[in-house]
């Protein structure tokens, strides 16, 4: 089961618009990085952006370092992490 499938199994606990936004920007494709969550249209793993944010890297620095990312990917990553942290 991918991480996004896990979130979908808890959909009754998640606001539908938040889940839709996360799924719009994040994918788990077995052919890309062994199915780790990545940003749509990129090979950038979500964990990498979350790690950068945790270490104080700014949004602008992240976008500069990973030119395939769009500004919308960063809040989607934070929402994704928030949803995962709240699964029971």
PDB file of N, CA and C in Angstrom:
ATOM      1  N   UNK A   1       0.847  -1.175   0.000  1.00  0.00           N
ATOM      2  CA  UNK A   1       0.000   0.000   0.000  1.00  0.00           C
ATOM      3  C   UNK A   1       0.894   1.241   0.000  1.00  0.00           C
ATOM      4  N   UNK A   2       0.614   2.156  -0.931  1.00  0.00           N
ATOM      5  CA  UNK A   2       1.410   3.391  -0.965  1.00  0.00           C
ATOM      6  C   UNK A   2       0.941   4.334   0.138  1.00  0.00           C
ATOM      7  N   UNK A   3       1.729   5.334   0.382  1.00  0.00           N
ATOM      8  CA  UNK A   3       1.392   6.323   1.403  1.00  0.00           C
ATOM      9  C   UNK A   3       0.086   7.033   1.059  1.00  0.00           C
ATOM     10  N   UNK A   4      -0.114   7.366  -0.212  1.00  0.00           N
ATOM     11  CA  UNK A   4      -1.363   8.030  -0.600  1.00  0.00           C
ATOM     12  C   UNK A   4      -2.550   7.100  -0.435  1.00  0.00           C
ATOM     13  N   UNK A   5      -2.369   5.814  -0.714  1.00  0.00           N
ATOM     14  CA  UNK A   5      -3.460   4.853  -0.490  1.00  0.00           C
ATOM     15  C   UNK A   5      -3.789   4.778   0.992  1.00  0.00           C
ATOM     16  N   UNK A   6      -2.778   4.828   1.839  1.00  0.00           N
ATOM     17  CA  UNK A   6      -2.999   4.840   3.279  1.00  0.00           C
ATOM     18  C   UNK A   6      -3.832   6.053   3.681  1.00  0.00           C
ATOM     19  N   UNK A   7      -3.508   7.207   3.129  1.00  0.00           N
ATOM     20  CA  UNK A   7      -4.294   8.408   3.419  1.00  0.00           C
ATOM     21  C   UNK A   7      -5.743   8.235   2.968  1.00  0.00           C
ATOM     22  N   UNK A   8      -5.934   7.651   1.789  1.00  0.00           N
ATOM     23  CA  UNK A   8      -7.299   7.459   1.278  1.00  0.00           C
ATOM     24  C   UNK A   8      -8.115   6.546   2.178  1.00  0.00           C
ATOM     25  N   UNK A   9      -7.470   5.585   2.833  1.00  0.00           N
ATOM     26  CA  UNK A   9      -8.211   4.694   3.734  1.00  0.00           C
ATOM     27  C   UNK A   9      -8.703   5.441   4.970  1.00  0.00           C
ATOM     28  N   UNK A  10      -8.116   6.584   5.234  1.00  0.00           N
ATOM     29  CA  UNK A  10      -8.533   7.425   6.364  1.00  0.00           C
ATOM     30  C   UNK A  10      -9.268   8.678   5.883  1.00  0.00           C
ATOM     31  N   UNK A  11      -9.804   8.614   4.684  1.00  0.00           N
ATOM     32  CA  UNK A  11     -10.416   9.793   4.060  1.00  0.00           C
ATOM     33  C   UNK A  11     -11.550  10.375   4.894  1.00  0.00           C
ATOM     34  N   UNK A  12     -12.241   9.548   5.662  1.00  0.00           N
ATOM     35  CA  UNK A  12     -13.340  10.077   6.471  1.00  0.00           C
ATOM     36  C   UNK A  12     -12.837  10.988   7.587  1.00  0.00           C
ATOM     37  N   UNK A  13     -11.531  10.930   7.885  1.00  0.00           N
ATOM     38  CA  UNK A  13     -10.938  11.787   8.922  1.00  0.00           C
ATOM     39  C   UNK A  13     -10.272  13.031   8.326  1.00  0.00           C
ATOM     40  N   UNK A  14     -10.241  13.107   6.995  1.00  0.00           N
ATOM     41  CA  UNK A  14      -9.508  14.178   6.306  1.00  0.00           C
ATOM     42  C   UNK A  14     -10.483  15.031   5.513  1.00  0.00           C
ATOM     43  N   UNK A  15     -10.302  16.335   5.567  1.00  0.00           N
ATOM     44  CA  UNK A  15     -11.124  17.215   4.743  1.00  0.00           C
ATOM     45  C   UNK A  15     -10.870  16.884   3.279  1.00  0.00           C
ATOM     46  N   UNK A  16     -11.930  16.652   2.500  1.00  0.00           N
ATOM     47  CA  UNK A  16     -11.756  16.248   1.100  1.00  0.00           C
ATOM     48  C   UNK A  16     -10.913  17.216   0.282  1.00  0.00           C
ATOM     49  N   UNK A  17     -11.058  18.511   0.522  1.00  0.00           N
ATOM     50  CA  UNK A  17     -10.292  19.477  -0.269  1.00  0.00           C
ATOM     51  C   UNK A  17      -8.791  19.401   0.031  1.00  0.00           C
ATOM     52  N   UNK A  18      -8.442  19.048   1.266  1.00  0.00           N
ATOM     53  CA  UNK A  18      -7.032  18.910   1.621  1.00  0.00           C
ATOM     54  C   UNK A  18      -6.446  17.669   0.939  1.00  0.00           C
ATOM     55  N   UNK A  19      -7.175  16.566   0.977  1.00  0.00           N
ATOM     56  CA  UNK A  19      -6.708  15.349   0.316  1.00  0.00           C
ATOM     57  C   UNK A  19      -6.579  15.561  -1.191  1.00  0.00           C
ATOM     58  N   UNK A  20      -7.538  16.256  -1.791  1.00  0.00           N
ATOM     59  CA  UNK A  20      -7.463  16.545  -3.231  1.00  0.00           C
ATOM     60  C   UNK A  20      -6.234  17.376  -3.558  1.00  0.00           C
ATOM     61  N   UNK A  21      -5.936  18.371  -2.729  1.00  0.00           N
ATOM     62  CA  UNK A  21      -4.768  19.221  -2.977  1.00  0.00           C
ATOM     63  C   UNK A  21      -3.481  18.403  -2.886  1.00  0.00           C
ATOM     64  N   UNK A  22      -3.385  17.568  -1.875  1.00  0.00           N
ATOM     65  CA  UNK A  22      -2.202  16.733  -1.725  1.00  0.00           C
ATOM     66  C   UNK A  22      -2.051  15.818  -2.938  1.00  0.00           C
ATOM     67  N   UNK A  23      -3.133  15.179  -3.357  1.00  0.00           N
ATOM     68  CA  UNK A  23      -3.074  14.265  -4.501  1.00  0.00           C
ATOM     69  C   UNK A  23      -2.811  14.992  -5.818  1.00  0.00           C
ATOM     70  N   UNK A  24      -3.121  16.265  -5.864  1.00  0.00           N
ATOM     71  CA  UNK A  24      -2.846  17.053  -7.070  1.00  0.00           C
ATOM     72  C   UNK A  24      -1.348  17.266  -7.263  1.00  0.00           C
ATOM     73  N   UNK A  25      -0.608  17.364  -6.164  1.00  0.00           N
ATOM     74  CA  UNK A  25       0.807  17.704  -6.236  1.00  0.00           C
ATOM     75  C   UNK A  25       1.766  16.571  -5.873  1.00  0.00           C
ATOM     76  N   UNK A  26       1.249  15.496  -5.278  1.00  0.00           N
ATOM     77  CA  UNK A  26       2.123  14.418  -4.813  1.00  0.00           C
ATOM     78  C   UNK A  26       1.633  13.087  -5.373  1.00  0.00           C
ATOM     79  N   UNK A  27       2.578  12.275  -5.824  1.00  0.00           N
ATOM     80  CA  UNK A  27       2.264  10.952  -6.382  1.00  0.00           C
ATOM     81  C   UNK A  27       3.176   9.892  -5.770  1.00  0.00           C
ATOM     82  N   UNK A  28       2.682   8.665  -5.735  1.00  0.00           N
ATOM     83  CA  UNK A  28       3.476   7.495  -5.370  1.00  0.00           C
ATOM     84  C   UNK A  28       3.427   6.564  -6.566  1.00  0.00           C
ATOM     85  N   UNK A  29       4.473   6.584  -7.358  1.00  0.00           N
ATOM     86  CA  UNK A  29       4.550   5.779  -8.575  1.00  0.00           C
ATOM     87  C   UNK A  29       5.658   4.746  -8.388  1.00  0.00           C
ATOM     88  N   UNK A  30       5.319   3.444  -8.470  1.00  0.00           N
ATOM     89  CA  UNK A  30       6.336   2.422  -8.269  1.00  0.00           C
ATOM     90  C   UNK A  30       7.518   2.539  -9.234  1.00  0.00           C
ATOM     91  N   UNK A  31       7.333   3.205 -10.365  1.00  0.00           N
ATOM     92  CA  UNK A  31       8.403   3.380 -11.332  1.00  0.00           C
ATOM     93  C   UNK A  31       9.303   4.566 -11.055  1.00  0.00           C
ATOM     94  N   UNK A  32       8.972   5.350 -10.045  1.00  0.00           N
ATOM     95  CA  UNK A  32       9.775   6.528  -9.685  1.00  0.00           C
ATOM     96  C   UNK A  32      10.196   6.398  -8.228  1.00  0.00           C
ATOM     97  N   UNK A  33      11.486   6.301  -8.021  1.00  0.00           N
ATOM     98  CA  UNK A  33      12.067   6.187  -6.668  1.00  0.00           C
ATOM     99  C   UNK A  33      11.391   5.102  -5.829  1.00  0.00           C
ATOM    100  N   UNK A  34      11.123   3.981  -6.469  1.00  0.00           N
ATOM    101  CA  UNK A  34      10.545   2.802  -5.800  1.00  0.00           C
ATOM    102  C   UNK A  34       9.221   3.108  -5.090  1.00  0.00           C
ATOM    103  N   UNK A  35       8.477   4.059  -5.622  1.00  0.00           N
ATOM    104  CA  UNK A  35       7.158   4.367  -5.069  1.00  0.00           C
ATOM    105  C   UNK A  35       7.140   5.355  -3.921  1.00  0.00           C
ATOM    106  N   UNK A  36       8.305   5.904  -3.578  1.00  0.00           N
ATOM    107  CA  UNK A  36       8.318   6.939  -2.520  1.00  0.00           C
ATOM    108  C   UNK A  36       7.498   8.137  -3.000  1.00  0.00           C
ATOM    109  N   UNK A  37       6.852   8.843  -2.099  1.00  0.00           N
ATOM    110  CA  UNK A  37       6.099  10.031  -2.509  1.00  0.00           C
ATOM    111  C   UNK A  37       7.015  11.064  -3.163  1.00  0.00           C
ATOM    112  N   UNK A  38       6.642  11.472  -4.359  1.00  0.00           N
ATOM    113  CA  UNK A  38       7.380  12.494  -5.097  1.00  0.00           C
ATOM    114  C   UNK A  38       6.390  13.549  -5.573  1.00  0.00           C
ATOM    115  N   UNK A  39       6.915  14.665  -6.010  1.00  0.00           N
ATOM    116  CA  UNK A  39       6.066  15.726  -6.530  1.00  0.00           C
ATOM    117  C   UNK A  39       5.722  15.443  -7.983  1.00  0.00           C
ATOM    118  N   UNK A  40       4.494  15.671  -8.332  1.00  0.00           N
ATOM    119  CA  UNK A  40       4.011  15.435  -9.689  1.00  0.00           C
ATOM    120  C   UNK A  40       4.890  16.174 -10.683  1.00  0.00           C
ATOM    121  N   UNK A  41       5.286  15.480 -11.729  1.00  0.00           N
ATOM    122  CA  UNK A  41       6.098  16.078 -12.776  1.00  0.00           C
ATOM    123  C   UNK A  41       7.580  16.166 -12.458  1.00  0.00           C
ATOM    124  N   UNK A  42       7.989  15.570 -11.331  1.00  0.00           N
ATOM    125  CA  UNK A  42       9.398  15.625 -10.926  1.00  0.00           C
ATOM    126  C   UNK A  42       9.831  14.253 -10.416  1.00  0.00           C
ATOM    127  N   UNK A  43      11.095  14.155 -10.097  1.00  0.00           N
ATOM    128  CA  UNK A  43      11.625  12.987  -9.398  1.00  0.00           C
ATOM    129  C   UNK A  43      12.115  13.424  -8.013  1.00  0.00           C
ATOM    130  N   UNK A  44      11.632  14.541  -7.538  1.00  0.00           N
ATOM    131  CA  UNK A  44      12.032  15.070  -6.236  1.00  0.00           C
ATOM    132  C   UNK A  44      11.160  14.427  -5.153  1.00  0.00           C
ATOM    133  N   UNK A  45      11.781  13.719  -4.201  1.00  0.00           N
ATOM    134  CA  UNK A  45      10.986  13.105  -3.138  1.00  0.00           C
ATOM    135  C   UNK A  45      10.495  14.139  -2.129  1.00  0.00           C
ATOM    136  N   UNK A  46       9.311  13.891  -1.630  1.00  0.00           N
ATOM    137  CA  UNK A  46       8.695  14.808  -0.661  1.00  0.00           C
ATOM    138  C   UNK A  46       9.562  14.922   0.583  1.00  0.00           C
ATOM    139  N   UNK A  47      10.129  13.809   1.042  1.00  0.00           N
ATOM    140  CA  UNK A  47      10.927  13.856   2.269  1.00  0.00           C
ATOM    141  C   UNK A  47      12.092  14.831   2.154  1.00  0.00           C
ATOM    142  N   UNK A  48      12.649  14.979   0.957  1.00  0.00           N
ATOM    143  CA  UNK A  48      13.795  15.868   0.769  1.00  0.00           C
ATOM    144  C   UNK A  48      13.401  17.325   1.041  1.00  0.00           C
ATOM    145  N   UNK A  49      12.253  17.731   0.539  1.00  0.00           N
ATOM    146  CA  UNK A  49      11.770  19.095   0.780  1.00  0.00           C
ATOM    147  C   UNK A  49      11.431  19.277   2.259  1.00  0.00           C
ATOM    148  N   UNK A  50      10.804  18.279   2.864  1.00  0.00           N
ATOM    149  CA  UNK A  50      10.479  18.375   4.293  1.00  0.00           C
ATOM    150  C   UNK A  50      11.747  18.476   5.137  1.00  0.00           C
ATOM    151  N   UNK A  51      12.777  17.701   4.774  1.00  0.00           N
ATOM    152  CA  UNK A  51      14.058  17.794   5.482  1.00  0.00           C
ATOM    153  C   UNK A  51      14.652  19.194   5.351  1.00  0.00           C
ATOM    154  N   UNK A  52      14.607  19.729   4.134  1.00  0.00           N
ATOM    155  CA  UNK A  52      15.134  21.085   3.916  1.00  0.00           C
ATOM    156  C   UNK A  52      14.417  22.094   4.807  1.00  0.00           C
ATOM    157  N   UNK A  53      13.096  22.003   4.832  1.00  0.00           N
ATOM    158  CA  UNK A  53      12.322  22.931   5.665  1.00  0.00           C
ATOM    159  C   UNK A  53      12.660  22.750   7.142  1.00  0.00           C
ATOM    160  N   UNK A  54      12.834  21.522   7.574  1.00  0.00           N
ATOM    161  CA  UNK A  54      13.165  21.246   8.980  1.00  0.00           C
ATOM    162  C   UNK A  54      14.508  21.848   9.368  1.00  0.00           C
ATOM    163  N   UNK A  55      15.434  21.937   8.403  1.00  0.00           N
ATOM    164  CA  UNK A  55      16.754  22.496   8.681  1.00  0.00           C
ATOM    165  C   UNK A  55      16.837  23.990   8.387  1.00  0.00           C
ATOM    166  N   UNK A  56      15.679  24.605   8.131  1.00  0.00           N
ATOM    167  CA  UNK A  56      15.649  26.056   7.989  1.00  0.00           C
ATOM    168  C   UNK A  56      15.933  26.587   6.598  1.00  0.00           C
ATOM    169  N   UNK A  57      15.943  25.717   5.597  1.00  0.00           N
ATOM    170  CA  UNK A  57      16.143  26.188   4.231  1.00  0.00           C
ATOM    171  C   UNK A  57      14.879  26.921   3.797  1.00  0.00           C
ATOM    172  N   UNK A  58      15.031  28.074   3.194  1.00  0.00           N
ATOM    173  CA  UNK A  58      13.868  28.873   2.807  1.00  0.00           C
ATOM    174  C   UNK A  58      13.181  28.286   1.579  1.00  0.00           C
ATOM    175  N   UNK A  59      11.933  28.658   1.401  1.00  0.00           N
ATOM    176  CA  UNK A  59      11.161  28.225   0.233  1.00  0.00           C
ATOM    177  C   UNK A  59      11.885  28.637  -1.051  1.00  0.00           C
ATOM    178  N   UNK A  60      12.371  29.853  -1.095  1.00  0.00           N
ATOM    179  CA  UNK A  60      13.078  30.329  -2.292  1.00  0.00           C
ATOM    180  C   UNK A  60      14.341  29.521  -2.568  1.00  0.00           C
ATOM    181  N   UNK A  61      15.078  29.174  -1.516  1.00  0.00           N
ATOM    182  CA  UNK A  61      16.292  28.367  -1.699  1.00  0.00           C
ATOM    183  C   UNK A  61      15.944  26.971  -2.213  1.00  0.00           C
ATOM    184  N   UNK A  62      14.858  26.408  -1.709  1.00  0.00           N
ATOM    185  CA  UNK A  62      14.423  25.079  -2.166  1.00  0.00           C
ATOM    186  C   UNK A  62      14.058  25.136  -3.643  1.00  0.00           C
ATOM    187  N   UNK A  63      13.272  26.133  -4.011  1.00  0.00           N
ATOM    188  CA  UNK A  63      12.853  26.255  -5.408  1.00  0.00           C
ATOM    189  C   UNK A  63      14.035  26.501  -6.331  1.00  0.00           C
ATOM    190  N   UNK A  64      15.021  27.209  -5.841  1.00  0.00           N
ATOM    191  CA  UNK A  64      16.225  27.455  -6.640  1.00  0.00           C
ATOM    192  C   UNK A  64      17.054  26.171  -6.783  1.00  0.00           C
ATOM    193  N   UNK A  65      17.116  25.395  -5.729  1.00  0.00           N
ATOM    194  CA  UNK A  65      17.898  24.155  -5.743  1.00  0.00           C
ATOM    195  C   UNK A  65      17.241  23.053  -6.567  1.00  0.00           C
ATOM    196  N   UNK A  66      15.918  23.074  -6.642  1.00  0.00           N
ATOM    197  CA  UNK A  66      15.164  22.052  -7.370  1.00  0.00           C
ATOM    198  C   UNK A  66      14.263  22.745  -8.388  1.00  0.00           C
ATOM    199  N   UNK A  67      14.816  23.090  -9.552  1.00  0.00           N
ATOM    200  CA  UNK A  67      14.075  23.901 -10.521  1.00  0.00           C
ATOM    201  C   UNK A  67      12.818  23.235 -11.094  1.00  0.00           C
ATOM    202  N   UNK A  68      12.668  21.926 -10.910  1.00  0.00           N
ATOM    203  CA  UNK A  68      11.450  21.278 -11.405  1.00  0.00           C
ATOM    204  C   UNK A  68      10.272  21.466 -10.451  1.00  0.00           C
ATOM    205  N   UNK A  69      10.537  21.950  -9.256  1.00  0.00           N
ATOM    206  CA  UNK A  69       9.455  22.186  -8.288  1.00  0.00           C
ATOM    207  C   UNK A  69       8.715  23.470  -8.606  1.00  0.00           C
ATOM    208  N   UNK A  70       7.443  23.465  -8.291  1.00  0.00           N
ATOM    209  CA  UNK A  70       6.588  24.648  -8.377  1.00  0.00           C
ATOM    210  C   UNK A  70       6.353  25.154  -6.953  1.00  0.00           C
ATOM    211  N   UNK A  71       6.057  26.428  -6.782  1.00  0.00           N
ATOM    212  CA  UNK A  71       5.820  26.946  -5.432  1.00  0.00           C
ATOM    213  C   UNK A  71       4.713  26.190  -4.685  1.00  0.00           C
ATOM    214  N   UNK A  72       3.730  25.671  -5.393  1.00  0.00           N
ATOM    215  CA  UNK A  72       2.606  24.965  -4.760  1.00  0.00           C
ATOM    216  C   UNK A  72       3.022  23.621  -4.161  1.00  0.00           C
ATOM    217  N   UNK A  73       4.146  23.099  -4.604  1.00  0.00           N
ATOM    218  CA  UNK A  73       4.603  21.818  -4.074  1.00  0.00           C
ATOM    219  C   UNK A  73       4.955  21.907  -2.587  1.00  0.00           C
ATOM    220  N   UNK A  74       5.466  23.018  -2.156  1.00  0.00           N
ATOM    221  CA  UNK A  74       5.943  23.130  -0.778  1.00  0.00           C
ATOM    222  C   UNK A  74       4.800  23.087   0.233  1.00  0.00           C
ATOM    223  N   UNK A  75       3.738  23.878   0.080  1.00  0.00           N
ATOM    224  CA  UNK A  75       2.634  23.725   1.044  1.00  0.00           C
ATOM    225  C   UNK A  75       1.961  22.358   0.946  1.00  0.00           C
ATOM    226  N   UNK A  76       1.963  21.761  -0.241  1.00  0.00           N
ATOM    227  CA  UNK A  76       1.389  20.414  -0.383  1.00  0.00           C
ATOM    228  C   UNK A  76       2.200  19.415   0.446  1.00  0.00           C
ATOM    229  N   UNK A  77       3.514  19.574   0.467  1.00  0.00           N
ATOM    230  CA  UNK A  77       4.366  18.690   1.262  1.00  0.00           C
ATOM    231  C   UNK A  77       4.057  18.831   2.747  1.00  0.00           C
ATOM    232  N   UNK A  78       3.854  20.047   3.189  1.00  0.00           N
ATOM    233  CA  UNK A  78       3.534  20.275   4.603  1.00  0.00           C
ATOM    234  C   UNK A  78       2.173  19.684   4.960  1.00  0.00           C
ATOM    235  N   UNK A  79       1.204  19.843   4.081  1.00  0.00           N
ATOM    236  CA  UNK A  79      -0.116  19.248   4.323  1.00  0.00           C
ATOM    237  C   UNK A  79      -0.025  17.729   4.332  1.00  0.00           C
ATOM    238  N   UNK A  80       0.751  17.173   3.417  1.00  0.00           N
ATOM    239  CA  UNK A  80       0.968  15.735   3.348  1.00  0.00           C
ATOM    240  C   UNK A  80       1.541  15.227   4.671  1.00  0.00           C
ATOM    241  N   UNK A  81       2.565  15.886   5.161  1.00  0.00           N
ATOM    242  CA  UNK A  81       3.184  15.484   6.431  1.00  0.00           C
ATOM    243  C   UNK A  81       2.194  15.613   7.584  1.00  0.00           C
ATOM    244  N   UNK A  82       1.421  16.686   7.572  1.00  0.00           N
ATOM    245  CA  UNK A  82       0.418  16.870   8.617  1.00  0.00           C
ATOM    246  C   UNK A  82      -0.621  15.770   8.615  1.00  0.00           C
ATOM    247  N   UNK A  83      -1.080  15.389   7.427  1.00  0.00           N
ATOM    248  CA  UNK A  83      -2.058  14.309   7.325  1.00  0.00           C
ATOM    249  C   UNK A  83      -1.480  12.999   7.834  1.00  0.00           C
ATOM    250  N   UNK A  84      -0.252  12.694   7.451  1.00  0.00           N
ATOM    251  CA  UNK A  84       0.371  11.443   7.884  1.00  0.00           C
ATOM    252  C   UNK A  84       0.574  11.410   9.395  1.00  0.00           C
ATOM    253  N   UNK A  85       0.881  12.549   9.973  1.00  0.00           N
ATOM    254  CA  UNK A  85       1.130  12.584  11.412  1.00  0.00           C
ATOM    255  C   UNK A  85      -0.147  12.413  12.223  1.00  0.00           C
ATOM    256  N   UNK A  86      -1.293  12.518  11.574  1.00  0.00           N
ATOM    257  CA  UNK A  86      -2.564  12.457  12.283  1.00  0.00           C
ATOM    258  C   UNK A  86      -3.312  11.144  12.043  1.00  0.00           C
ATOM    259  N   UNK A  87      -2.720  10.217  11.311  1.00  0.00           N
ATOM    260  CA  UNK A  87      -3.367   8.928  11.079  1.00  0.00           C
ATOM    261  C   UNK A  87      -3.326   8.098  12.350  1.00  0.00           C
ATOM    262  N   UNK A  88      -4.452   7.523  12.670  1.00  0.00           N
ATOM    263  CA  UNK A  88      -4.527   6.702  13.900  1.00  0.00           C
ATOM    264  C   UNK A  88      -4.347   5.256  13.580  1.00  0.00           C
TER     265      UNK A  88
END
